[in-house]
Amino acid sequence: MERLEKFGLLDSMKKVMIGDRIFDRAKKSDFVIFPGMSRKLASREEGWGKNLKTAYEKGRKLFN
């Protein structure tokens, strides 16, 4: 996350993934970064459960 913000990539990712892809078709949107998911990291599998739970909760609340 720090690296994405440092190089201005986070804003670019949001613009492309939300602005260009979804545009005005969604009334509500959110952009979530799941840390530690790089294939290069040995700790990648440790974060799966937490990230899956986060994704589930975001999706569950999407239509409330």
PDB file of N, CA and C in Angstrom:
ATOM      1  N   MET A   1       0.828  -1.187   0.000  1.00  0.00           N
ATOM      2  CA  MET A   1       0.000   0.000   0.000  1.00  0.00           C
ATOM      3  C   MET A   1       0.874   1.253   0.000  1.00  0.00           C
ATOM      4  N   GLU A   2       1.886   1.249   0.848  1.00  0.00           N
ATOM      5  CA  GLU A   2       2.775   2.405   0.918  1.00  0.00           C
ATOM      6  C   GLU A   2       3.454   2.663  -0.425  1.00  0.00           C
ATOM      7  N   ARG A   3       3.880   1.589  -1.060  1.00  0.00           N
ATOM      8  CA  ARG A   3       4.555   1.710  -2.355  1.00  0.00           C
ATOM      9  C   ARG A   3       3.586   2.255  -3.415  1.00  0.00           C
ATOM     10  N   LEU A   4       2.372   1.761  -3.404  1.00  0.00           N
ATOM     11  CA  LEU A   4       1.368   2.240  -4.358  1.00  0.00           C
ATOM     12  C   LEU A   4       1.100   3.726  -4.180  1.00  0.00           C
ATOM     13  N   GLU A   5       0.981   4.154  -2.924  1.00  0.00           N
ATOM     14  CA  GLU A   5       0.736   5.573  -2.643  1.00  0.00           C
ATOM     15  C   GLU A   5       1.963   6.416  -2.974  1.00  0.00           C
ATOM     16  N   LYS A   6       3.135   5.914  -2.640  1.00  0.00           N
ATOM     17  CA  LYS A   6       4.383   6.653  -2.869  1.00  0.00           C
ATOM     18  C   LYS A   6       4.570   7.005  -4.340  1.00  0.00           C
ATOM     19  N   PHE A   7       4.269   6.075  -5.215  1.00  0.00           N
ATOM     20  CA  PHE A   7       4.481   6.292  -6.637  1.00  0.00           C
ATOM     21  C   PHE A   7       3.220   6.760  -7.375  1.00  0.00           C
ATOM     22  N   GLY A   8       2.153   7.061  -6.637  1.00  0.00           N
ATOM     23  CA  GLY A   8       0.923   7.557  -7.240  1.00  0.00           C
ATOM     24  C   GLY A   8       0.123   6.495  -7.974  1.00  0.00           C
ATOM     25  N   LEU A   9       0.438   5.251  -7.721  1.00  0.00           N
ATOM     26  CA  LEU A   9      -0.233   4.164  -8.432  1.00  0.00           C
ATOM     27  C   LEU A   9      -1.633   3.873  -7.895  1.00  0.00           C
ATOM     28  N   LEU A  10      -1.840   4.135  -6.623  1.00  0.00           N
ATOM     29  CA  LEU A  10      -3.139   3.842  -6.015  1.00  0.00           C
ATOM     30  C   LEU A  10      -4.248   4.646  -6.690  1.00  0.00           C
ATOM     31  N   ASP A  11      -4.025   5.930  -6.872  1.00  0.00           N
ATOM     32  CA  ASP A  11      -5.030   6.759  -7.536  1.00  0.00           C
ATOM     33  C   ASP A  11      -5.254   6.307  -8.974  1.00  0.00           C
ATOM     34  N   SER A  12      -4.178   5.941  -9.653  1.00  0.00           N
ATOM     35  CA  SER A  12      -4.304   5.455 -11.036  1.00  0.00           C
ATOM     36  C   SER A  12      -5.107   4.167 -11.090  1.00  0.00           C
ATOM     37  N   MET A  13      -4.845   3.268 -10.159  1.00  0.00           N
ATOM     38  CA  MET A  13      -5.580   2.002 -10.117  1.00  0.00           C
ATOM     39  C   MET A  13      -7.066   2.252  -9.882  1.00  0.00           C
ATOM     40  N   LYS A  14      -7.372   3.160  -8.972  1.00  0.00           N
ATOM     41  CA  LYS A  14      -8.773   3.485  -8.698  1.00  0.00           C
ATOM     42  C   LYS A  14      -9.454   4.048  -9.942  1.00  0.00           C
ATOM     43  N   LYS A  15      -8.768   4.952 -10.634  1.00  0.00           N
ATOM     44  CA  LYS A  15      -9.352   5.558 -11.833  1.00  0.00           C
ATOM     45  C   LYS A  15      -9.622   4.517 -12.903  1.00  0.00           C
ATOM     46  N   VAL A  16      -8.678   3.620 -13.109  1.00  0.00           N
ATOM     47  CA  VAL A  16      -8.851   2.608 -14.151  1.00  0.00           C
ATOM     48  C   VAL A  16      -9.879   1.567 -13.739  1.00  0.00           C
ATOM     49  N   MET A  17      -9.733   1.017 -12.559  1.00  0.00           N
ATOM     50  CA  MET A  17     -10.581  -0.102 -12.152  1.00  0.00           C
ATOM     51  C   MET A  17     -11.999   0.303 -11.779  1.00  0.00           C
ATOM     52  N   ILE A  18     -12.159   1.491 -11.257  1.00  0.00           N
ATOM     53  CA  ILE A  18     -13.506   1.940 -10.891  1.00  0.00           C
ATOM     54  C   ILE A  18     -14.041   2.907 -11.939  1.00  0.00           C
ATOM     55  N   GLY A  19     -13.281   3.938 -12.240  1.00  0.00           N
ATOM     56  CA  GLY A  19     -13.742   4.951 -13.186  1.00  0.00           C
ATOM     57  C   GLY A  19     -13.941   4.435 -14.587  1.00  0.00           C
ATOM     58  N   ASP A  20     -12.945   3.768 -15.125  1.00  0.00           N
ATOM     59  CA  ASP A  20     -13.035   3.284 -16.507  1.00  0.00           C
ATOM     60  C   ASP A  20     -13.883   2.032 -16.648  1.00  0.00           C
ATOM     61  N   ARG A  21     -13.758   1.117 -15.711  1.00  0.00           N
ATOM     62  CA  ARG A  21     -14.443  -0.169 -15.847  1.00  0.00           C
ATOM     63  C   ARG A  21     -15.911  -0.093 -15.398  1.00  0.00           C
ATOM     64  N   ILE A  22     -16.161   0.570 -14.290  1.00  0.00           N
ATOM     65  CA  ILE A  22     -17.514   0.621 -13.738  1.00  0.00           C
ATOM     66  C   ILE A  22     -18.238   1.892 -14.152  1.00  0.00           C
ATOM     67  N   PHE A  23     -17.502   2.983 -14.207  1.00  0.00           N
ATOM     68  CA  PHE A  23     -17.994   4.310 -14.580  1.00  0.00           C
ATOM     69  C   PHE A  23     -19.221   4.655 -13.759  1.00  0.00           C
ATOM     70  N   ASP A  24     -20.338   4.950 -14.390  1.00  0.00           N
ATOM     71  CA  ASP A  24     -21.523   5.369 -13.642  1.00  0.00           C
ATOM     72  C   ASP A  24     -22.573   4.260 -13.525  1.00  0.00           C
ATOM     73  N   ARG A  25     -22.176   3.028 -13.818  1.00  0.00           N
ATOM     74  CA  ARG A  25     -23.129   1.921 -13.741  1.00  0.00           C
ATOM     75  C   ARG A  25     -23.382   1.476 -12.305  1.00  0.00           C
ATOM     76  N   ALA A  26     -22.538   1.866 -11.381  1.00  0.00           N
ATOM     77  CA  ALA A  26     -22.716   1.490  -9.977  1.00  0.00           C
ATOM     78  C   ALA A  26     -23.073   2.722  -9.159  1.00  0.00           C
ATOM     79  N   LYS A  27     -24.026   2.566  -8.297  1.00  0.00           N
ATOM     80  CA  LYS A  27     -24.423   3.666  -7.417  1.00  0.00           C
ATOM     81  C   LYS A  27     -23.419   3.839  -6.290  1.00  0.00           C
ATOM     82  N   LYS A  28     -22.748   2.748  -5.942  1.00  0.00           N
ATOM     83  CA  LYS A  28     -21.826   2.751  -4.810  1.00  0.00           C
ATOM     84  C   LYS A  28     -20.641   1.863  -5.170  1.00  0.00           C
ATOM     85  N   SER A  29     -19.447   2.296  -4.800  1.00  0.00           N
ATOM     86  CA  SER A  29     -18.267   1.468  -5.074  1.00  0.00           C
ATOM     87  C   SER A  29     -17.247   1.647  -3.956  1.00  0.00           C
ATOM     88  N   ASP A  30     -16.356   0.705  -3.879  1.00  0.00           N
ATOM     89  CA  ASP A  30     -15.288   0.740  -2.881  1.00  0.00           C
ATOM     90  C   ASP A  30     -14.072   0.073  -3.511  1.00  0.00           C
ATOM     91  N   PHE A  31     -12.910   0.515  -3.142  1.00  0.00           N
ATOM     92  CA  PHE A  31     -11.670  -0.039  -3.676  1.00  0.00           C
ATOM     93  C   PHE A  31     -10.875  -0.595  -2.512  1.00  0.00           C
ATOM     94  N   VAL A  32     -10.628  -1.883  -2.545  1.00  0.00           N
ATOM     95  CA  VAL A  32      -9.951  -2.544  -1.434  1.00  0.00           C
ATOM     96  C   VAL A  32      -8.646  -3.148  -1.929  1.00  0.00           C
ATOM     97  N   ILE A  33      -7.590  -2.897  -1.191  1.00  0.00           N
ATOM     98  CA  ILE A  33      -6.288  -3.499  -1.476  1.00  0.00           C
ATOM     99  C   ILE A  33      -6.082  -4.620  -0.462  1.00  0.00           C
ATOM    100  N   PHE A  34      -5.764  -5.790  -0.959  1.00  0.00           N
ATOM    101  CA  PHE A  34      -5.463  -6.913  -0.082  1.00  0.00           C
ATOM    102  C   PHE A  34      -3.946  -7.022   0.034  1.00  0.00           C
ATOM    103  N   PRO A  35      -3.400  -6.651   1.187  1.00  0.00           N
ATOM    104  CA  PRO A  35      -1.938  -6.634   1.353  1.00  0.00           C
ATOM    105  C   PRO A  35      -1.324  -8.027   1.388  1.00  0.00           C
ATOM    106  N   GLY A  36      -0.089  -8.090   0.975  1.00  0.00           N
ATOM    107  CA  GLY A  36       0.676  -9.326   1.086  1.00  0.00           C
ATOM    108  C   GLY A  36       0.277 -10.420   0.123  1.00  0.00           C
ATOM    109  N   MET A  37      -0.323 -10.079  -1.000  1.00  0.00           N
ATOM    110  CA  MET A  37      -0.789 -11.102  -1.928  1.00  0.00           C
ATOM    111  C   MET A  37       0.170 -11.334  -3.105  1.00  0.00           C
ATOM    112  N   SER A  38       1.312 -10.694  -3.073  1.00  0.00           N
ATOM    113  CA  SER A  38       2.297 -10.912  -4.129  1.00  0.00           C
ATOM    114  C   SER A  38       2.782 -12.357  -4.104  1.00  0.00           C
ATOM    115  N   ARG A  39       2.916 -12.936  -5.269  1.00  0.00           N
ATOM    116  CA  ARG A  39       3.393 -14.323  -5.358  1.00  0.00           C
ATOM    117  C   ARG A  39       4.817 -14.460  -4.830  1.00  0.00           C
ATOM    118  N   LYS A  40       5.501 -13.351  -4.745  1.00  0.00           N
ATOM    119  CA  LYS A  40       6.893 -13.369  -4.283  1.00  0.00           C
ATOM    120  C   LYS A  40       7.000 -13.520  -2.766  1.00  0.00           C
ATOM    121  N   LEU A  41       5.913 -13.280  -2.060  1.00  0.00           N
ATOM    122  CA  LEU A  41       5.944 -13.319  -0.599  1.00  0.00           C
ATOM    123  C   LEU A  41       5.608 -14.707  -0.055  1.00  0.00           C
ATOM    124  N   ALA A  42       6.467 -15.185   0.809  1.00  0.00           N
ATOM    125  CA  ALA A  42       6.223 -16.484   1.449  1.00  0.00           C
ATOM    126  C   ALA A  42       5.024 -16.428   2.389  1.00  0.00           C
ATOM    127  N   SER A  43       4.728 -15.243   2.907  1.00  0.00           N
ATOM    128  CA  SER A  43       3.623 -15.078   3.858  1.00  0.00           C
ATOM    129  C   SER A  43       2.264 -14.939   3.173  1.00  0.00           C
ATOM    130  N   ARG A  44       2.244 -15.080   1.864  1.00  0.00           N
ATOM    131  CA  ARG A  44       1.009 -14.887   1.095  1.00  0.00           C
ATOM    132  C   ARG A  44      -0.152 -15.725   1.621  1.00  0.00           C
ATOM    133  N   GLU A  45       0.087 -16.987   1.861  1.00  0.00           N
ATOM    134  CA  GLU A  45      -0.987 -17.883   2.301  1.00  0.00           C
ATOM    135  C   GLU A  45      -1.525 -17.516   3.683  1.00  0.00           C
ATOM    136  N   GLU A  46      -0.716 -16.892   4.498  1.00  0.00           N
ATOM    137  CA  GLU A  46      -1.157 -16.502   5.843  1.00  0.00           C
ATOM    138  C   GLU A  46      -2.280 -15.467   5.791  1.00  0.00           C
ATOM    139  N   GLY A  47      -2.293 -14.626   4.774  1.00  0.00           N
ATOM    140  CA  GLY A  47      -3.288 -13.564   4.679  1.00  0.00           C
ATOM    141  C   GLY A  47      -4.571 -13.967   3.983  1.00  0.00           C
ATOM    142  N   TRP A  48      -4.604 -15.165   3.393  1.00  0.00           N
ATOM    143  CA  TRP A  48      -5.781 -15.576   2.631  1.00  0.00           C
ATOM    144  C   TRP A  48      -7.054 -15.549   3.454  1.00  0.00           C
ATOM    145  N   GLY A  49      -7.029 -16.111   4.620  1.00  0.00           N
ATOM    146  CA  GLY A  49      -8.235 -16.169   5.454  1.00  0.00           C
ATOM    147  C   GLY A  49      -8.764 -14.794   5.799  1.00  0.00           C
ATOM    148  N   LYS A  50      -7.888 -13.914   6.212  1.00  0.00           N
ATOM    149  CA  LYS A  50      -8.287 -12.553   6.577  1.00  0.00           C
ATOM    150  C   LYS A  50      -8.828 -11.806   5.359  1.00  0.00           C
ATOM    151  N   ASN A  51      -8.136 -11.941   4.233  1.00  0.00           N
ATOM    152  CA  ASN A  51      -8.573 -11.238   3.027  1.00  0.00           C
ATOM    153  C   ASN A  51      -9.885 -11.796   2.487  1.00  0.00           C
ATOM    154  N   LEU A  52     -10.057 -13.096   2.586  1.00  0.00           N
ATOM    155  CA  LEU A  52     -11.306 -13.713   2.156  1.00  0.00           C
ATOM    156  C   LEU A  52     -12.465 -13.219   3.013  1.00  0.00           C
ATOM    157  N   LYS A  53     -12.233 -13.110   4.301  1.00  0.00           N
ATOM    158  CA  LYS A  53     -13.269 -12.604   5.206  1.00  0.00           C
ATOM    159  C   LYS A  53     -13.614 -11.158   4.866  1.00  0.00           C
ATOM    160  N   THR A  54     -12.597 -10.351   4.597  1.00  0.00           N
ATOM    161  CA  THR A  54     -12.822  -8.950   4.221  1.00  0.00           C
ATOM    162  C   THR A  54     -13.644  -8.868   2.944  1.00  0.00           C
ATOM    163  N   ALA A  55     -13.289  -9.661   1.936  1.00  0.00           N
ATOM    164  CA  ALA A  55     -14.016  -9.666   0.661  1.00  0.00           C
ATOM    165  C   ALA A  55     -15.468 -10.110   0.869  1.00  0.00           C
ATOM    166  N   TYR A  56     -15.662 -11.126   1.684  1.00  0.00           N
ATOM    167  CA  TYR A  56     -17.002 -11.620   1.962  1.00  0.00           C
ATOM    168  C   TYR A  56     -17.853 -10.533   2.614  1.00  0.00           C
ATOM    169  N   GLU A  57     -17.301  -9.872   3.625  1.00  0.00           N
ATOM    170  CA  GLU A  57     -18.043  -8.815   4.334  1.00  0.00           C
ATOM    171  C   GLU A  57     -18.363  -7.665   3.411  1.00  0.00           C
ATOM    172  N   LYS A  58     -17.417  -7.274   2.565  1.00  0.00           N
ATOM    173  CA  LYS A  58     -17.668  -6.175   1.605  1.00  0.00           C
ATOM    174  C   LYS A  58     -18.813  -6.563   0.664  1.00  0.00           C
ATOM    175  N   GLY A  59     -18.768  -7.783   0.154  1.00  0.00           N
ATOM    176  CA  GLY A  59     -19.798  -8.253  -0.759  1.00  0.00           C
ATOM    177  C   GLY A  59     -21.151  -8.387  -0.086  1.00  0.00           C
ATOM    178  N   ARG A  60     -21.152  -8.858   1.129  1.00  0.00           N
ATOM    179  CA  ARG A  60     -22.396  -9.038   1.889  1.00  0.00           C
ATOM    180  C   ARG A  60     -23.084  -7.705   2.147  1.00  0.00           C
ATOM    181  N   LYS A  61     -22.298  -6.682   2.415  1.00  0.00           N
ATOM    182  CA  LYS A  61     -22.844  -5.359   2.733  1.00  0.00           C
ATOM    183  C   LYS A  61     -23.153  -4.536   1.482  1.00  0.00           C
ATOM    184  N   LEU A  62     -22.746  -5.018   0.335  1.00  0.00           N
ATOM    185  CA  LEU A  62     -22.887  -4.261  -0.900  1.00  0.00           C
ATOM    186  C   LEU A  62     -24.338  -3.904  -1.209  1.00  0.00           C
ATOM    187  N   PHE A  63     -25.250  -4.816  -0.974  1.00  0.00           N
ATOM    188  CA  PHE A  63     -26.646  -4.578  -1.330  1.00  0.00           C
ATOM    189  C   PHE A  63     -27.538  -4.245  -0.150  1.00  0.00           C
ATOM    190  N   ASN A  64     -26.935  -3.930   0.984  1.00  0.00           N
ATOM    191  CA  ASN A  64     -27.728  -3.533   2.169  1.00  0.00           C
ATOM    192  C   ASN A  64     -28.045  -2.067   2.134  1.00  0.00           C
TER     193      ASN A  64
END
